[in-house]
Each structure stands twice: as structure tokens, then as C-alpha cells.
Amino acid sequence: MAVRGPAGGEPGKREGDAVTTTGGKVTDTDEGPARRRGRNETEEERADRMWTELIQEVRVAQMGVQILFGFLLTVVFQPKYDDLSDTDQMIYLITVVLGAVTTGALIGRSPCTAWSRGGA
């Protein structure tokens, strides 16, 4: 159900919602002062915050991939590994290689990023 203004105005608008005009100023549809919803940040600050959040999510994924890859490496030392068919052993080998590539890509992105930006 759409939220309507006080006089049945535009859908989605509530009384006191701020509107941006073509001049970039924040004005109010009512007589009261202009209000801004959400965070009070510039586009650059927003991009920095989003980038930081993305990096944090990649760090979490990196840890998960490393743990799963570690467990995957232990399979070859299990006694039942020798009982697997050649096809199953090939699938395991491909999975280990893909896990290694993924782990390397997640770990290697930090030095590569620093190198490409001219950092140490």
C-alpha cells in the first residue's frame, strides 16, 4: 500500500519529506525546515563507506574459503580416498585446484591493490 501525503499527494511521500530541486538544494514540500533522511555524507564519503564494507565482506569470505580449503586438503589422507573411483579422484583434484586458485585470488588481491595504487 502506497503512503500518501496529507492531501492525498504523491505516492511514497510523507508529510515533511525533503525534495531535491534542480539547483541541488534540499527543500521541503511543506512550510517547515528541510529535513534529510539517512546518513549525512557526501557521495565520496558514501563510496568510501561502501568500499570499506565490501572489503570487510571479502575478508569474511576469504576466511571461509581458507577453512574449507584446509578441510579439503585433509581428504587425501583419509583411508577411504584410495577406494574412490578414478572419476571421483579427478573431481577431487579439480576441486582442490579451484580451491587453491580461489584462495590465491582472495589473498593476492591486497598486495596487487597496493601495488597498482603505488603503495608499499
N, C-alpha and C. Protein backbone atom coordinates (compact mmCIF):
# COMPACT_ATOMS: atom_id res chain seq x y z
N MET A 1 0.84 -1.16 0.00
CA MET A 1 0.00 0.00 0.00
C MET A 1 0.89 1.23 0.00
N ALA A 2 0.62 2.17 -0.89
CA ALA A 2 1.43 3.38 -1.00
C ALA A 2 1.09 4.36 0.11
N VAL A 3 2.10 5.03 0.59
CA VAL A 3 1.90 6.06 1.60
C VAL A 3 1.61 7.35 0.88
N ARG A 4 0.57 8.03 1.26
CA ARG A 4 0.19 9.29 0.59
C ARG A 4 0.39 10.46 1.54
N GLY A 5 0.61 11.60 0.95
CA GLY A 5 0.80 12.83 1.71
C GLY A 5 -0.49 13.26 2.39
N PRO A 6 -0.47 14.40 3.09
CA PRO A 6 -1.62 14.84 3.87
C PRO A 6 -2.87 15.10 3.03
N ALA A 7 -2.73 15.57 1.81
CA ALA A 7 -3.90 15.87 0.99
C ALA A 7 -4.01 14.88 -0.16
N GLY A 8 -3.58 13.64 0.08
CA GLY A 8 -3.64 12.63 -0.98
C GLY A 8 -2.62 12.90 -2.06
N GLY A 9 -1.49 13.45 -1.69
CA GLY A 9 -0.44 13.83 -2.63
C GLY A 9 0.19 12.64 -3.30
N GLU A 10 1.45 12.81 -3.70
CA GLU A 10 2.15 11.78 -4.45
C GLU A 10 2.35 10.52 -3.61
N PRO A 11 2.27 9.34 -4.24
CA PRO A 11 2.54 8.11 -3.50
C PRO A 11 3.99 8.07 -3.04
N GLY A 12 4.19 7.49 -1.89
CA GLY A 12 5.54 7.36 -1.36
C GLY A 12 6.01 8.59 -0.60
N LYS A 13 5.31 9.67 -0.69
CA LYS A 13 5.70 10.89 0.00
C LYS A 13 4.98 10.96 1.33
N ARG A 14 5.68 11.40 2.32
CA ARG A 14 5.07 11.62 3.63
C ARG A 14 5.19 13.09 3.97
N GLU A 15 4.40 13.50 4.88
CA GLU A 15 4.45 14.89 5.29
C GLU A 15 5.84 15.20 5.83
N GLY A 16 6.45 16.26 5.31
CA GLY A 16 7.77 16.66 5.78
C GLY A 16 8.92 16.02 5.02
N ASP A 17 8.65 15.20 3.99
CA ASP A 17 9.74 14.60 3.22
C ASP A 17 10.47 15.69 2.44
N ALA A 18 11.79 15.58 2.39
CA ALA A 18 12.59 16.56 1.68
C ALA A 18 12.60 16.23 0.19
N VAL A 19 12.69 17.26 -0.63
CA VAL A 19 12.73 17.10 -2.08
C VAL A 19 13.94 17.86 -2.59
N THR A 20 14.69 17.27 -3.53
CA THR A 20 15.85 17.94 -4.11
C THR A 20 15.41 18.64 -5.39
N THR A 21 15.72 19.90 -5.49
CA THR A 21 15.36 20.66 -6.68
C THR A 21 16.49 20.59 -7.68
N THR A 22 16.30 21.20 -8.87
CA THR A 22 17.32 21.15 -9.92
C THR A 22 18.58 21.90 -9.52
N GLY A 23 18.48 22.81 -8.60
CA GLY A 23 19.65 23.55 -8.15
C GLY A 23 20.48 22.77 -7.16
N GLY A 24 20.04 21.58 -6.76
CA GLY A 24 20.79 20.75 -5.84
C GLY A 24 20.50 21.07 -4.38
N LYS A 25 19.64 22.07 -4.13
CA LYS A 25 19.30 22.41 -2.76
C LYS A 25 18.24 21.46 -2.25
N VAL A 26 18.28 21.19 -0.96
CA VAL A 26 17.25 20.36 -0.34
C VAL A 26 16.20 21.30 0.21
N THR A 27 15.00 21.15 -0.30
CA THR A 27 13.90 21.98 0.17
C THR A 27 12.82 21.09 0.71
N ASP A 28 11.84 21.66 1.31
CA ASP A 28 10.77 20.90 1.92
C ASP A 28 9.48 21.18 1.16
N THR A 29 8.64 20.14 1.06
CA THR A 29 7.36 20.32 0.38
C THR A 29 6.39 21.10 1.26
N ASP A 30 6.61 21.09 2.56
CA ASP A 30 5.76 21.85 3.47
C ASP A 30 6.45 23.15 3.85
N GLU A 31 5.84 23.89 4.70
CA GLU A 31 6.39 25.17 5.13
C GLU A 31 7.55 25.02 6.10
N GLY A 32 7.72 23.87 6.74
CA GLY A 32 8.75 23.66 7.75
C GLY A 32 10.15 23.60 7.17
N PRO A 33 11.14 23.44 8.04
CA PRO A 33 12.53 23.38 7.57
C PRO A 33 12.80 22.10 6.79
N ALA A 34 13.84 22.15 5.96
CA ALA A 34 14.21 20.98 5.16
C ALA A 34 14.80 19.90 6.07
N ARG A 35 14.42 18.65 5.82
CA ARG A 35 14.97 17.52 6.57
C ARG A 35 15.57 16.55 5.58
N ARG A 36 16.62 15.90 5.99
CA ARG A 36 17.29 14.93 5.13
C ARG A 36 17.20 13.57 5.79
N ARG A 37 16.82 12.56 5.03
CA ARG A 37 16.71 11.20 5.54
C ARG A 37 18.05 10.48 5.38
N GLY A 38 18.33 9.53 6.27
CA GLY A 38 19.53 8.72 6.14
C GLY A 38 20.77 9.40 6.69
N ARG A 39 21.93 8.96 6.18
CA ARG A 39 23.20 9.49 6.65
C ARG A 39 23.47 10.85 6.03
N ASN A 40 24.17 11.68 6.77
CA ASN A 40 24.57 12.98 6.26
C ASN A 40 26.01 12.87 5.76
N GLU A 41 26.18 12.41 4.51
CA GLU A 41 27.51 12.18 3.95
C GLU A 41 27.53 12.56 2.49
N THR A 42 28.70 12.92 2.02
CA THR A 42 28.86 13.27 0.61
C THR A 42 28.92 11.99 -0.22
N GLU A 43 28.88 12.14 -1.52
CA GLU A 43 28.97 10.97 -2.41
C GLU A 43 30.32 10.27 -2.25
N GLU A 44 31.37 11.05 -2.04
CA GLU A 44 32.70 10.46 -1.86
C GLU A 44 32.77 9.68 -0.55
N GLU A 45 32.20 10.22 0.52
CA GLU A 45 32.18 9.51 1.79
C GLU A 45 31.34 8.24 1.69
N ARG A 46 30.25 8.32 0.95
CA ARG A 46 29.39 7.15 0.75
C ARG A 46 30.15 6.07 -0.01
N ALA A 47 30.88 6.46 -1.06
CA ALA A 47 31.66 5.50 -1.85
C ALA A 47 32.75 4.86 -0.98
N ASP A 48 33.40 5.67 -0.13
CA ASP A 48 34.42 5.13 0.77
C ASP A 48 33.81 4.14 1.76
N ARG A 49 32.64 4.47 2.31
CA ARG A 49 31.97 3.57 3.25
C ARG A 49 31.57 2.27 2.56
N MET A 50 31.02 2.38 1.35
CA MET A 50 30.61 1.17 0.63
C MET A 50 31.83 0.31 0.29
N TRP A 51 32.95 0.94 -0.09
CA TRP A 51 34.17 0.20 -0.41
C TRP A 51 34.68 -0.52 0.83
N THR A 52 34.67 0.15 1.98
CA THR A 52 35.12 -0.46 3.22
C THR A 52 34.25 -1.66 3.59
N GLU A 53 32.94 -1.52 3.42
CA GLU A 53 32.03 -2.63 3.72
C GLU A 53 32.28 -3.81 2.79
N LEU A 54 32.54 -3.51 1.51
CA LEU A 54 32.82 -4.58 0.55
C LEU A 54 34.11 -5.31 0.90
N ILE A 55 35.14 -4.57 1.27
CA ILE A 55 36.40 -5.20 1.66
C ILE A 55 36.20 -6.08 2.89
N GLN A 56 35.39 -5.62 3.85
CA GLN A 56 35.13 -6.42 5.04
C GLN A 56 34.41 -7.72 4.68
N GLU A 57 33.47 -7.66 3.75
CA GLU A 57 32.77 -8.87 3.32
C GLU A 57 33.72 -9.83 2.62
N VAL A 58 34.65 -9.31 1.84
CA VAL A 58 35.63 -10.16 1.16
C VAL A 58 36.54 -10.83 2.19
N ARG A 59 36.88 -10.11 3.25
CA ARG A 59 37.71 -10.71 4.31
C ARG A 59 37.00 -11.88 4.96
N VAL A 60 35.71 -11.74 5.18
CA VAL A 60 34.94 -12.84 5.77
C VAL A 60 34.90 -14.02 4.80
N ALA A 61 34.66 -13.74 3.53
CA ALA A 61 34.64 -14.81 2.52
C ALA A 61 36.01 -15.48 2.41
N GLN A 62 37.07 -14.69 2.51
CA GLN A 62 38.42 -15.23 2.43
C GLN A 62 38.66 -16.23 3.56
N MET A 63 38.25 -15.89 4.75
CA MET A 63 38.44 -16.80 5.89
C MET A 63 37.66 -18.10 5.66
N GLY A 64 36.42 -17.99 5.19
CA GLY A 64 35.62 -19.18 4.92
C GLY A 64 36.24 -20.07 3.86
N VAL A 65 36.74 -19.48 2.80
CA VAL A 65 37.37 -20.26 1.73
C VAL A 65 38.63 -20.94 2.24
N GLN A 66 39.41 -20.25 3.06
CA GLN A 66 40.63 -20.86 3.59
C GLN A 66 40.30 -22.05 4.50
N ILE A 67 39.28 -21.92 5.32
CA ILE A 67 38.89 -23.03 6.19
C ILE A 67 38.40 -24.22 5.38
N LEU A 68 37.54 -23.97 4.39
CA LEU A 68 37.04 -25.06 3.55
C LEU A 68 38.16 -25.70 2.75
N PHE A 69 39.10 -24.91 2.27
CA PHE A 69 40.24 -25.44 1.52
C PHE A 69 41.11 -26.31 2.44
N GLY A 70 41.28 -25.90 3.68
CA GLY A 70 42.04 -26.71 4.63
C GLY A 70 41.40 -28.06 4.87
N PHE A 71 40.08 -28.08 5.03
CA PHE A 71 39.38 -29.35 5.19
C PHE A 71 39.47 -30.19 3.93
N LEU A 72 39.42 -29.54 2.78
CA LEU A 72 39.51 -30.25 1.51
C LEU A 72 40.88 -30.93 1.36
N LEU A 73 41.92 -30.30 1.86
CA LEU A 73 43.26 -30.89 1.77
C LEU A 73 43.40 -32.13 2.64
N THR A 74 42.60 -32.25 3.69
CA THR A 74 42.72 -33.41 4.58
C THR A 74 42.08 -34.67 4.00
N VAL A 75 41.24 -34.52 2.98
CA VAL A 75 40.54 -35.67 2.42
C VAL A 75 41.50 -36.70 1.85
N VAL A 76 42.57 -36.26 1.24
CA VAL A 76 43.51 -37.17 0.60
C VAL A 76 44.20 -38.10 1.62
N PHE A 77 44.24 -37.71 2.87
CA PHE A 77 44.88 -38.52 3.90
C PHE A 77 43.92 -39.49 4.57
N GLN A 78 42.68 -39.51 4.14
CA GLN A 78 41.69 -40.44 4.70
C GLN A 78 41.86 -41.81 4.05
N PRO A 79 41.64 -42.89 4.79
CA PRO A 79 41.81 -44.24 4.23
C PRO A 79 40.84 -44.53 3.08
N LYS A 80 39.67 -43.93 3.09
CA LYS A 80 38.69 -44.20 2.03
C LYS A 80 39.02 -43.51 0.72
N TYR A 81 40.00 -42.61 0.72
CA TYR A 81 40.36 -41.91 -0.51
C TYR A 81 40.83 -42.91 -1.57
N ASP A 82 41.56 -43.93 -1.18
CA ASP A 82 42.05 -44.93 -2.13
C ASP A 82 40.92 -45.74 -2.75
N ASP A 83 39.79 -45.82 -2.06
CA ASP A 83 38.65 -46.58 -2.57
C ASP A 83 37.84 -45.81 -3.61
N LEU A 84 38.10 -44.51 -3.77
CA LEU A 84 37.34 -43.71 -4.74
C LEU A 84 37.69 -44.13 -6.16
N SER A 85 36.71 -43.99 -7.06
CA SER A 85 36.97 -44.30 -8.47
C SER A 85 37.87 -43.22 -9.07
N ASP A 86 38.40 -43.49 -10.24
CA ASP A 86 39.27 -42.52 -10.90
C ASP A 86 38.53 -41.21 -11.19
N THR A 87 37.24 -41.32 -11.53
CA THR A 87 36.44 -40.13 -11.80
C THR A 87 36.29 -39.28 -10.54
N ASP A 88 36.01 -39.92 -9.42
CA ASP A 88 35.86 -39.19 -8.17
C ASP A 88 37.18 -38.55 -7.74
N GLN A 89 38.29 -39.25 -7.96
CA GLN A 89 39.59 -38.67 -7.62
C GLN A 89 39.91 -37.48 -8.53
N MET A 90 39.51 -37.56 -9.78
CA MET A 90 39.72 -36.43 -10.71
C MET A 90 38.86 -35.23 -10.30
N ILE A 91 37.62 -35.49 -9.90
CA ILE A 91 36.75 -34.42 -9.42
C ILE A 91 37.36 -33.77 -8.18
N TYR A 92 37.90 -34.59 -7.28
CA TYR A 92 38.56 -34.07 -6.07
C TYR A 92 39.76 -33.20 -6.45
N LEU A 93 40.58 -33.67 -7.39
CA LEU A 93 41.75 -32.92 -7.81
C LEU A 93 41.36 -31.57 -8.40
N ILE A 94 40.34 -31.57 -9.25
CA ILE A 94 39.86 -30.32 -9.84
C ILE A 94 39.35 -29.37 -8.75
N THR A 95 38.63 -29.91 -7.77
CA THR A 95 38.11 -29.11 -6.67
C THR A 95 39.24 -28.50 -5.85
N VAL A 96 40.30 -29.28 -5.60
CA VAL A 96 41.45 -28.76 -4.85
C VAL A 96 42.13 -27.64 -5.63
N VAL A 97 42.30 -27.82 -6.93
CA VAL A 97 42.94 -26.78 -7.75
C VAL A 97 42.09 -25.51 -7.76
N LEU A 98 40.78 -25.66 -7.94
CA LEU A 98 39.91 -24.48 -7.92
C LEU A 98 39.91 -23.81 -6.55
N GLY A 99 39.95 -24.59 -5.48
CA GLY A 99 40.04 -24.02 -4.14
C GLY A 99 41.33 -23.24 -3.94
N ALA A 100 42.43 -23.79 -4.47
CA ALA A 100 43.72 -23.11 -4.36
C ALA A 100 43.72 -21.80 -5.15
N VAL A 101 43.14 -21.83 -6.34
CA VAL A 101 43.06 -20.61 -7.16
C VAL A 101 42.20 -19.55 -6.46
N THR A 102 41.07 -19.98 -5.89
CA THR A 102 40.20 -19.05 -5.19
C THR A 102 40.89 -18.45 -3.97
N THR A 103 41.56 -19.28 -3.19
CA THR A 103 42.29 -18.79 -2.03
C THR A 103 43.39 -17.82 -2.46
N GLY A 104 44.11 -18.16 -3.50
CA GLY A 104 45.15 -17.26 -4.01
C GLY A 104 44.59 -15.94 -4.50
N ALA A 105 43.45 -16.00 -5.15
CA ALA A 105 42.84 -14.76 -5.65
C ALA A 105 42.37 -13.87 -4.51
N LEU A 106 41.82 -14.46 -3.47
CA LEU A 106 41.35 -13.67 -2.34
C LEU A 106 42.50 -13.12 -1.51
N ILE A 107 43.57 -13.89 -1.37
CA ILE A 107 44.73 -13.42 -0.61
C ILE A 107 45.54 -12.43 -1.44
N GLY A 108 45.69 -12.71 -2.72
CA GLY A 108 46.54 -11.90 -3.58
C GLY A 108 45.98 -10.56 -3.97
N ARG A 109 44.71 -10.32 -3.73
CA ARG A 109 44.13 -9.04 -4.13
C ARG A 109 44.68 -7.87 -3.34
N SER A 110 45.05 -8.09 -2.06
CA SER A 110 45.57 -6.99 -1.23
C SER A 110 46.91 -6.48 -1.72
N PRO A 111 47.91 -7.35 -1.92
CA PRO A 111 49.19 -6.84 -2.45
C PRO A 111 49.04 -6.24 -3.85
N CYS A 112 48.21 -6.85 -4.68
CA CYS A 112 48.02 -6.33 -6.03
C CYS A 112 47.37 -4.97 -6.02
N THR A 113 46.41 -4.76 -5.12
CA THR A 113 45.75 -3.47 -5.00
C THR A 113 46.73 -2.41 -4.54
N ALA A 114 47.54 -2.75 -3.53
CA ALA A 114 48.55 -1.80 -3.03
C ALA A 114 49.58 -1.50 -4.11
N TRP A 115 49.97 -2.52 -4.87
CA TRP A 115 50.96 -2.31 -5.93
C TRP A 115 50.40 -1.44 -7.04
N SER A 116 49.15 -1.68 -7.44
CA SER A 116 48.56 -0.91 -8.53
C SER A 116 48.31 0.55 -8.15
N ARG A 117 48.15 0.82 -6.86
CA ARG A 117 47.94 2.20 -6.39
C ARG A 117 49.24 2.89 -6.06
N GLY A 118 50.35 2.19 -6.22
CA GLY A 118 51.65 2.79 -5.94
C GLY A 118 52.03 2.75 -4.48
N GLY A 119 51.31 1.96 -3.69
CA GLY A 119 51.61 1.85 -2.25
C GLY A 119 52.72 0.85 -1.99
N ALA A 120 53.09 0.75 -0.74
CA ALA A 120 54.17 -0.17 -0.38
C ALA A 120 53.67 -1.57 -0.24
